[in-house]
C-alpha atoms as a PDB file:
ATOM      1  CA  UNK A   1      11.178  14.449 -24.551  1.00  0.00           C
ATOM      2  CA  UNK A   2      11.120  13.344 -21.049  1.00  0.00           C
ATOM      3  CA  UNK A   3      11.082  15.854 -18.390  1.00  0.00           C
ATOM      4  CA  UNK A   4      13.185  15.937 -15.329  1.00  0.00           C
ATOM      5  CA  UNK A   5      11.978  19.170 -12.620  1.00  0.00           C
ATOM      6  CA  UNK A   6      13.811  18.801  -9.700  1.00  0.00           C
ATOM      7  CA  UNK A   7      11.763  20.117  -6.899  1.00  0.00           C
ATOM      8  CA  UNK A   8      12.325  22.080  -3.507  1.00  0.00           C
ATOM      9  CA  UNK A   9      14.333  20.733  -0.879  1.00  0.00           C
ATOM     10  CA  UNK A  10      11.983  21.820   2.133  1.00  0.00           C
ATOM     11  CA  UNK A  11       8.557  21.547   3.135  1.00  0.00           C
ATOM     12  CA  UNK A  12       6.726  18.565   3.902  1.00  0.00           C
ATOM     13  CA  UNK A  13       8.454  15.141   4.023  1.00  0.00           C
ATOM     14  CA  UNK A  14       7.938  11.574   2.522  1.00  0.00           C
ATOM     15  CA  UNK A  15       8.218   8.330   4.466  1.00  0.00           C
ATOM     16  CA  UNK A  16      11.329   7.564   6.532  1.00  0.00           C
ATOM     17  CA  UNK A  17      13.856   5.888   4.120  1.00  0.00           C
ATOM     18  CA  UNK A  18      11.316   5.668   1.373  1.00  0.00           C
ATOM     19  CA  UNK A  19      10.705   7.180  -1.935  1.00  0.00           C
ATOM     20  CA  UNK A  20       7.152   7.145  -3.875  1.00  0.00           C
ATOM     21  CA  UNK A  21       6.721   7.713  -7.516  1.00  0.00           C
ATOM     22  CA  UNK A  22       2.886   8.345  -7.623  1.00  0.00           C
ATOM     23  CA  UNK A  23       1.335   7.737 -11.210  1.00  0.00           C
ATOM     24  CA  UNK A  24      -1.364  10.121 -12.532  1.00  0.00           C
ATOM     25  CA  UNK A  25      -4.525   9.006 -14.397  1.00  0.00           C
ATOM     26  CA  UNK A  26      -3.222   6.688 -17.265  1.00  0.00           C
ATOM     27  CA  UNK A  27      -6.912   6.014 -18.981  1.00  0.00           C
ATOM     28  CA  UNK A  28      -5.819   3.022 -21.336  1.00  0.00           C
ATOM     29  CA  UNK A  29      -2.442   4.573 -22.739  1.00  0.00           C
ATOM     30  CA  UNK A  30      -0.332   1.381 -22.615  1.00  0.00           C
ATOM     31  CA  UNK A  31       2.248   3.265 -24.819  1.00  0.00           C
ATOM     32  CA  UNK A  32       2.812   6.409 -22.531  1.00  0.00           C
ATOM     33  CA  UNK A  33       2.757   3.740 -19.306  1.00  0.00           C
ATOM     34  CA  UNK A  34       5.470   1.830 -20.655  1.00  0.00           C
ATOM     35  CA  UNK A  35       7.703   5.423 -21.464  1.00  0.00           C
ATOM     36  CA  UNK A  36       6.752   6.261 -17.917  1.00  0.00           C
ATOM     37  CA  UNK A  37       7.707   3.026 -16.391  1.00  0.00           C
ATOM     38  CA  UNK A  38      11.110   3.317 -18.095  1.00  0.00           C
ATOM     39  CA  UNK A  39      11.767   7.019 -17.003  1.00  0.00           C
ATOM     40  CA  UNK A  40      11.158   5.767 -13.729  1.00  0.00           C
ATOM     41  CA  UNK A  41      13.439   2.485 -14.003  1.00  0.00           C
ATOM     42  CA  UNK A  42      16.165   5.018 -15.220  1.00  0.00           C
ATOM     43  CA  UNK A  43      15.626   7.358 -12.430  1.00  0.00           C
ATOM     44  CA  UNK A  44      16.205   4.504  -9.978  1.00  0.00           C
ATOM     45  CA  UNK A  45      19.627   3.875 -11.802  1.00  0.00           C
ATOM     46  CA  UNK A  46      20.517   7.456 -11.416  1.00  0.00           C
ATOM     47  CA  UNK A  47      19.448   7.739  -7.951  1.00  0.00           C
ATOM     48  CA  UNK A  48      18.887   3.949  -6.098  1.00  0.00           C
ATOM     49  CA  UNK A  49      16.780   3.396  -3.665  1.00  0.00           C
ATOM     50  CA  UNK A  50      15.955   0.095  -1.751  1.00  0.00           C
ATOM     51  CA  UNK A  51      12.619   0.801  -0.738  1.00  0.00           C
ATOM     52  CA  UNK A  52      10.366   2.195  -3.471  1.00  0.00           C
ATOM     53  CA  UNK A  53       6.508   2.835  -3.818  1.00  0.00           C
ATOM     54  CA  UNK A  54       4.779   2.907  -6.873  1.00  0.00           C
ATOM     55  CA  UNK A  55       1.645   4.325  -6.719  1.00  0.00           C
ATOM     56  CA  UNK A  56      -1.165   4.727  -9.612  1.00  0.00           C
ATOM     57  CA  UNK A  57      -3.946   6.887  -8.179  1.00  0.00           C
ATOM     58  CA  UNK A  58      -6.681   5.293 -10.344  1.00  0.00           C
ATOM     59  CA  UNK A  59      -8.392   5.433 -13.583  1.00  0.00           C
ATOM     60  CA  UNK A  60      -6.422   2.863 -15.497  1.00  0.00           C
ATOM     61  CA  UNK A  61      -9.201   2.067 -17.943  1.00  0.00           C
ATOM     62  CA  UNK A  62     -11.433   3.657 -20.229  1.00  0.00           C
ATOM     63  CA  UNK A  63     -10.924   6.392 -22.783  1.00  0.00           C
ATOM     64  CA  UNK A  64      -7.473   5.186 -24.300  1.00  0.00           C
ATOM     65  CA  UNK A  65      -7.302   2.424 -26.648  1.00  0.00           C
ATOM     66  CA  UNK A  66      -5.610  -0.341 -24.497  1.00  0.00           C
ATOM     67  CA  UNK A  67      -7.531  -0.626 -21.431  1.00  0.00           C
ATOM     68  CA  UNK A  68      -6.885  -4.266 -21.298  1.00  0.00           C
ATOM     69  CA  UNK A  69      -3.365  -4.301 -21.959  1.00  0.00           C
ATOM     70  CA  UNK A  70      -2.782  -1.631 -19.185  1.00  0.00           C
ATOM     71  CA  UNK A  71      -4.337  -3.869 -16.660  1.00  0.00           C
ATOM     72  CA  UNK A  72      -2.358  -6.748 -17.467  1.00  0.00           C
ATOM     73  CA  UNK A  73       1.035  -5.296 -17.615  1.00  0.00           C
ATOM     74  CA  UNK A  74       0.441  -3.810 -14.499  1.00  0.00           C
ATOM     75  CA  UNK A  75      -1.363  -7.055 -12.805  1.00  0.00           C
ATOM     76  CA  UNK A  76       1.720  -8.740 -13.759  1.00  0.00           C
ATOM     77  CA  UNK A  77       4.351  -5.913 -12.668  1.00  0.00           C
ATOM     78  CA  UNK A  78       7.269  -6.751 -11.023  1.00  0.00           C
ATOM     79  CA  UNK A  79      10.091  -5.052  -9.930  1.00  0.00           C
ATOM     80  CA  UNK A  80      13.330  -5.456  -7.537  1.00  0.00           C
ATOM     81  CA  UNK A  81      12.697  -2.848  -4.242  1.00  0.00           C
ATOM     82  CA  UNK A  82       9.562  -1.806  -5.700  1.00  0.00           C
ATOM     83  CA  UNK A  83       6.094  -2.069  -4.083  1.00  0.00           C
ATOM     84  CA  UNK A  84       3.319  -1.198  -6.105  1.00  0.00           C
ATOM     85  CA  UNK A  85       0.270   0.366  -4.755  1.00  0.00           C
ATOM     86  CA  UNK A  86      -3.095   0.715  -6.901  1.00  0.00           C
ATOM     87  CA  UNK A  87      -5.763   3.218  -5.906  1.00  0.00           C
ATOM     88  CA  UNK A  88      -9.486   2.996  -7.078  1.00  0.00           C
ATOM     89  CA  UNK A  89     -10.712   5.154  -9.547  1.00  0.00           C
ATOM     90  CA  UNK A  90     -14.015   6.464 -10.388  1.00  0.00           C
ATOM     91  CA  UNK A  91     -13.770   4.615 -13.434  1.00  0.00           C
ATOM     92  CA  UNK A  92     -12.703   1.223 -12.084  1.00  0.00           C
ATOM     93  CA  UNK A  93     -15.954   1.505  -9.426  1.00  0.00           C
ATOM     94  CA  UNK A  94     -18.399   2.016 -12.225  1.00  0.00           C
ATOM     95  CA  UNK A  95     -16.956  -1.005 -13.711  1.00  0.00           C
ATOM     96  CA  UNK A  96     -16.829  -2.985 -10.985  1.00  0.00           C
ATOM     97  CA  UNK A  97     -20.660  -1.946  -9.815  1.00  0.00           C
ATOM     98  CA  UNK A  98     -21.420  -3.037 -13.513  1.00  0.00           C
ATOM     99  CA  UNK A  99     -20.175  -6.378 -13.160  1.00  0.00           C
ATOM    100  CA  UNK A 100     -21.690  -6.949  -9.972  1.00  0.00           C
ATOM    101  CA  UNK A 101     -24.985  -6.597 -11.656  1.00  0.00           C
ATOM    102  CA  UNK A 102     -25.787  -2.847 -11.943  1.00  0.00           C
ATOM    103  CA  UNK A 103     -26.646  -2.969 -15.619  1.00  0.00           C
ATOM    104  CA  UNK A 104     -28.215   0.795 -15.627  1.00  0.00           C
ATOM    105  CA  UNK A 105     -24.948   2.153 -15.351  1.00  0.00           C
ATOM    106  CA  UNK A 106     -23.780   0.876 -18.978  1.00  0.00           C
ATOM    107  CA  UNK A 107     -25.310   3.228 -21.392  1.00  0.00           C
ATOM    108  CA  UNK A 108     -23.203   6.273 -19.037  1.00  0.00           C
ATOM    109  CA  UNK A 109     -20.452   4.098 -18.705  1.00  0.00           C
ATOM    110  CA  UNK A 110     -19.472   3.759 -23.014  1.00  0.00           C
ATOM    111  CA  UNK A 111     -20.326   7.226 -23.044  1.00  0.00           C
ATOM    112  CA  UNK A 112     -17.228   8.276 -21.000  1.00  0.00           C
ATOM    113  CA  UNK A 113     -14.767   5.702 -22.030  1.00  0.00           C
ATOM    114  CA  UNK A 114     -16.497   1.843 -21.299  1.00  0.00           C
ATOM    115  CA  UNK A 115     -16.747   1.273 -25.204  1.00  0.00           C
ATOM    116  CA  UNK A 116     -13.349   1.858 -25.922  1.00  0.00           C
ATOM    117  CA  UNK A 117     -12.581  -0.248 -22.916  1.00  0.00           C
ATOM    118  CA  UNK A 118     -14.503  -2.981 -24.289  1.00  0.00           C
ATOM    119  CA  UNK A 119     -13.087  -2.698 -27.569  1.00  0.00           C
ATOM    120  CA  UNK A 120      -9.538  -3.590 -25.937  1.00  0.00           C
ATOM    121  CA  UNK A 121     -11.077  -6.564 -24.617  1.00  0.00           C
ATOM    122  CA  UNK A 122     -11.963  -8.041 -28.519  1.00  0.00           C
ATOM    123  CA  UNK A 123     -16.164  -6.866 -28.264  1.00  0.00           C
ATOM    124  CA  UNK A 124     -17.497  -5.687 -31.352  1.00  0.00           C
ATOM    125  CA  UNK A 125     -18.709  -2.393 -29.976  1.00  0.00           C
ATOM    126  CA  UNK A 126     -21.357  -1.728 -32.604  1.00  0.00           C
ATOM    127  CA  UNK A 127     -22.895  -5.313 -31.926  1.00  0.00           C
ATOM    128  CA  UNK A 128     -22.699  -4.540 -28.332  1.00  0.00           C
ATOM    129  CA  UNK A 129     -24.629  -1.469 -28.645  1.00  0.00           C
ATOM    130  CA  UNK A 130     -27.377  -3.464 -30.421  1.00  0.00           C
ATOM    131  CA  UNK A 131     -27.931  -5.844 -27.519  1.00  0.00           C
ATOM    132  CA  UNK A 132     -30.640  -5.522 -24.898  1.00  0.00           C
ATOM    133  CA  UNK A 133     -29.265  -4.390 -21.539  1.00  0.00           C
ATOM    134  CA  UNK A 134     -28.910  -7.748 -19.874  1.00  0.00           C
ATOM    135  CA  UNK A 135     -27.242  -9.170 -22.903  1.00  0.00           C
ATOM    136  CA  UNK A 136     -24.874  -6.332 -22.423  1.00  0.00           C
ATOM    137  CA  UNK A 137     -24.065  -7.019 -18.925  1.00  0.00           C
ATOM    138  CA  UNK A 138     -23.791 -10.562 -19.572  1.00  0.00           C
ATOM    139  CA  UNK A 139     -21.365  -9.629 -22.631  1.00  0.00           C
ATOM    140  CA  UNK A 140     -19.463  -7.129 -20.591  1.00  0.00           C
ATOM    141  CA  UNK A 141     -18.983  -9.803 -17.897  1.00  0.00           C
ATOM    142  CA  UNK A 142     -17.600 -12.282 -20.495  1.00  0.00           C
ATOM    143  CA  UNK A 143     -15.224 -10.003 -21.683  1.00  0.00           C
ATOM    144  CA  UNK A 144     -13.271  -9.355 -19.066  1.00  0.00           C
ATOM    145  CA  UNK A 145     -11.100 -12.103 -17.554  1.00  0.00           C
ATOM    146  CA  UNK A 146     -11.645 -12.936 -13.583  1.00  0.00           C
ATOM    147  CA  UNK A 147      -8.053 -12.522 -12.702  1.00  0.00           C
ATOM    148  CA  UNK A 148      -8.354  -8.641 -14.067  1.00  0.00           C
ATOM    149  CA  UNK A 149     -11.693  -8.404 -11.811  1.00  0.00           C
ATOM    150  CA  UNK A 150      -9.992  -9.845  -8.813  1.00  0.00           C
ATOM    151  CA  UNK A 151      -7.140  -7.466  -9.508  1.00  0.00           C
ATOM    152  CA  UNK A 152      -9.495  -4.389  -9.325  1.00  0.00           C
ATOM    153  CA  UNK A 153     -11.193  -5.375  -6.887  1.00  0.00           C
ATOM    154  CA  UNK A 154      -8.032  -5.307  -4.984  1.00  0.00           C
ATOM    155  CA  UNK A 155      -7.495  -1.838  -5.118  1.00  0.00           C
ATOM    156  CA  UNK A 156      -7.428   0.327  -2.119  1.00  0.00           C
ATOM    157  CA  UNK A 157      -8.850   4.079  -1.755  1.00  0.00           C
ATOM    158  CA  UNK A 158      -5.856   5.817   0.239  1.00  0.00           C
ATOM    159  CA  UNK A 159      -2.164   5.532   0.596  1.00  0.00           C
ATOM    160  CA  UNK A 160      -0.680   7.599   3.682  1.00  0.00           C
ATOM    161  CA  UNK A 161       3.087   8.389   2.854  1.00  0.00           C
ATOM    162  CA  UNK A 162       4.602  10.616   5.653  1.00  0.00           C
ATOM    163  CA  UNK A 163       3.279  13.872   5.150  1.00  0.00           C
ATOM    164  CA  UNK A 164       1.121  13.257   2.214  1.00  0.00           C
ATOM    165  CA  UNK A 165      -1.795  11.353   1.360  1.00  0.00           C
ATOM    166  CA  UNK A 166      -2.226   9.616  -2.096  1.00  0.00           C
ATOM    167  CA  UNK A 167      -6.153   9.461  -3.086  1.00  0.00           C
ATOM    168  CA  UNK A 168      -7.936   9.096  -6.483  1.00  0.00           C
ATOM    169  CA  UNK A 169     -10.034  12.484  -6.495  1.00  0.00           C
ATOM    170  CA  UNK A 170      -9.616  14.052  -3.309  1.00  0.00           C
ATOM    171  CA  UNK A 171     -11.009  14.368   0.779  1.00  0.00           C
ATOM    172  CA  UNK A 172     -14.102  16.025   1.978  1.00  0.00           C
ATOM    173  CA  UNK A 173     -12.385  19.485   3.803  1.00  0.00           C
ATOM    174  CA  UNK A 174     -12.987  19.162   7.652  1.00  0.00           C
ATOM    175  CA  UNK A 175     -13.841  15.552   7.666  1.00  0.00           C
ATOM    176  CA  UNK A 176     -11.723  13.279   9.866  1.00  0.00           C
ATOM    177  CA  UNK A 177      -9.781  10.715   7.114  1.00  0.00           C
ATOM    178  CA  UNK A 178     -11.425   7.725   8.897  1.00  0.00           C
ATOM    179  CA  UNK A 179     -14.389   9.320   7.901  1.00  0.00           C
ATOM    180  CA  UNK A 180     -14.020   9.998   4.584  1.00  0.00           C
ATOM    181  CA  UNK A 181     -17.254   8.612   2.446  1.00  0.00           C
ATOM    182  CA  UNK A 182     -15.943   6.502  -0.812  1.00  0.00           C
ATOM    183  CA  UNK A 183     -17.751   8.547  -2.777  1.00  0.00           C
ATOM    184  CA  UNK A 184     -15.824  11.590  -2.143  1.00  0.00           C
ATOM    185  CA  UNK A 185     -12.448   9.842  -2.476  1.00  0.00           C
ATOM    186  CA  UNK A 186     -13.083   8.349  -5.738  1.00  0.00           C
ATOM    187  CA  UNK A 187     -15.473  11.349  -7.158  1.00  0.00           C
ATOM    188  CA  UNK A 188     -15.149  14.192  -5.580  1.00  0.00           C
ATOM    189  CA  UNK A 189     -14.284  17.907  -7.431  1.00  0.00           C
ATOM    190  CA  UNK A 190     -15.589  20.922  -5.592  1.00  0.00           C
ATOM    191  CA  UNK A 191     -15.455  21.538  -2.700  1.00  0.00           C
ATOM    192  CA  UNK A 192     -11.620  19.995  -2.565  1.00  0.00           C
ATOM    193  CA  UNK A 193     -10.543  21.855  -5.230  1.00  0.00           C
ATOM    194  CA  UNK A 194     -11.498  25.227  -4.101  1.00  0.00           C
ATOM    195  CA  UNK A 195     -10.120  24.178  -0.268  1.00  0.00           C
ATOM    196  CA  UNK A 196      -7.333  26.833   1.273  1.00  0.00           C
ATOM    197  CA  UNK A 197      -8.003  24.394   4.318  1.00  0.00           C
ATOM    198  CA  UNK A 198      -4.975  22.957   5.846  1.00  0.00           C
ATOM    199  CA  UNK A 199      -5.455  19.286   5.541  1.00  0.00           C
ATOM    200  CA  UNK A 200      -3.054  17.867   8.076  1.00  0.00           C
ATOM    201  CA  UNK A 201      -1.211  16.380   5.219  1.00  0.00           C
ATOM    202  CA  UNK A 202      -0.640  17.066   1.149  1.00  0.00           C
ATOM    203  CA  UNK A 203      -3.227  15.267  -0.985  1.00  0.00           C
ATOM    204  CA  UNK A 204      -1.719  13.887  -4.012  1.00  0.00           C
ATOM    205  CA  UNK A 205      -4.245  13.362  -6.395  1.00  0.00           C
ATOM    206  CA  UNK A 206      -5.757  12.474 -10.295  1.00  0.00           C
ATOM    207  CA  UNK A 207      -9.124  12.498 -11.251  1.00  0.00           C
ATOM    208  CA  UNK A 208      -9.583  16.249 -12.168  1.00  0.00           C
ATOM    209  CA  UNK A 209      -7.379  17.062 -15.559  1.00  0.00           C
ATOM    210  CA  UNK A 210      -4.840  20.059 -15.321  1.00  0.00           C
ATOM    211  CA  UNK A 211      -2.755  21.277 -18.103  1.00  0.00           C
ATOM    212  CA  UNK A 212       0.775  21.078 -16.094  1.00  0.00           C
ATOM    213  CA  UNK A 213       0.789  19.352 -12.717  1.00  0.00           C
ATOM    214  CA  UNK A 214      -0.215  21.882  -9.668  1.00  0.00           C
ATOM    215  CA  UNK A 215       1.517  22.328  -6.403  1.00  0.00           C
ATOM    216  CA  UNK A 216      -0.629  23.812  -3.833  1.00  0.00           C
ATOM    217  CA  UNK A 217       0.090  24.124  -0.104  1.00  0.00           C
ATOM    218  CA  UNK A 218      -2.221  21.543   0.576  1.00  0.00           C
ATOM    219  CA  UNK A 219      -2.684  19.435  -2.666  1.00  0.00           C
ATOM    220  CA  UNK A 220      -0.814  18.394  -5.686  1.00  0.00           C
ATOM    221  CA  UNK A 221      -2.876  17.672  -8.826  1.00  0.00           C
ATOM    222  CA  UNK A 222      -1.386  15.041 -11.332  1.00  0.00           C
ATOM    223  CA  UNK A 223      -4.231  14.496 -13.908  1.00  0.00           C
ATOM    224  CA  UNK A 224      -2.260  15.817 -16.854  1.00  0.00           C
ATOM    225  CA  UNK A 225      -5.090  14.310 -19.439  1.00  0.00           C
ATOM    226  CA  UNK A 226      -2.785  11.787 -20.826  1.00  0.00           C
ATOM    227  CA  UNK A 227      -5.574   9.952 -23.484  1.00  0.00           C
ATOM    228  CA  UNK A 228      -6.076  13.251 -25.105  1.00  0.00           C
ATOM    229  CA  UNK A 229      -2.554  15.020 -24.361  1.00  0.00           C
ATOM    230  CA  UNK A 230      -0.330  12.334 -24.460  1.00  0.00           C
ATOM    231  CA  UNK A 231       1.501  13.530 -20.723  1.00  0.00           C
ATOM    232  CA  UNK A 232       1.451  11.185 -18.399  1.00  0.00           C
ATOM    233  CA  UNK A 233       2.682  12.094 -15.213  1.00  0.00           C
ATOM    234  CA  UNK A 234       4.585  10.896 -12.155  1.00  0.00           C
ATOM    235  CA  UNK A 235       5.744  12.521  -8.944  1.00  0.00           C
ATOM    236  CA  UNK A 236       8.566  11.468  -7.190  1.00  0.00           C
ATOM    237  CA  UNK A 237       8.958  11.950  -3.373  1.00  0.00           C
ATOM    238  CA  UNK A 238      11.780  11.536  -1.409  1.00  0.00           C
ATOM    239  CA  UNK A 239      12.271  12.931   2.190  1.00  0.00           C
ATOM    240  CA  UNK A 240      11.384  16.542   1.549  1.00  0.00           C
ATOM    241  CA  UNK A 241      12.127  16.620  -2.057  1.00  0.00           C
ATOM    242  CA  UNK A 242      10.308  16.157  -4.855  1.00  0.00           C
ATOM    243  CA  UNK A 243      10.591  15.991  -8.467  1.00  0.00           C
ATOM    244  CA  UNK A 244       8.428  15.001 -11.641  1.00  0.00           C
ATOM    245  CA  UNK A 245       8.947  12.605 -14.696  1.00  0.00           C
ATOM    246  CA  UNK A 246       6.713  12.792 -17.465  1.00  0.00           C
ATOM    247  CA  UNK A 247       6.052  11.603 -21.178  1.00  0.00           C
ATOM    248  CA  UNK A 248       6.207  15.072 -22.852  1.00  0.00           C
ATOM    249  CA  UNK A 249       7.409  15.441 -26.002  1.00  0.00           C
ATOM    250  CA  UNK A 250       9.073  18.409 -27.411  1.00  0.00           C
END
């Protein structure tokens, strides 16, 4: 059953005359992505909007069974009045570093979801595991189509939307936005998660799994662990209103 939770009418505001849907970490769950895209389309039908951002906070790949299919679906996504925005997650960063020649990362990547990613591209992962490191590097490069690489290379690190900042992992508290390190934007947990500071905007992020969407005065956590829970979540923001859509089943 899809869940639609109406949110408060006061507080921070999104960009004027725009609506945003911000989607949490997908991690290769094409089935859940399709459900959530359908829910967003139905939401737009009920509550029309002419200027819409559809923001993905990163970690589209790894862990789930359909990384390649998720990338292809979103690479070719087109919807009238909807502009997709893709943020780079730490999982995409690792894949790009491998493709650029950092073969030493392959072993760790395979342990935290790369094996499933390679399988989705048709790689025999048992045979892959027996290859020498340089052979593995060439196998990864051969498996992933150039259009997919170029698509991932186009991802950005942050997206400002009125009083909100969309980012994959979070920010370093006390550091100006233009001085933030990419490593923090893509990887940080503490001290960001423990900070009670007013950042000057509400940070909407994924990266750290929570059982439910967590709303704090300075941040909103959207990663509901889709690859293992079956729950992929989107946060909708328009003006001072926000609401949630997800793929929860009763």
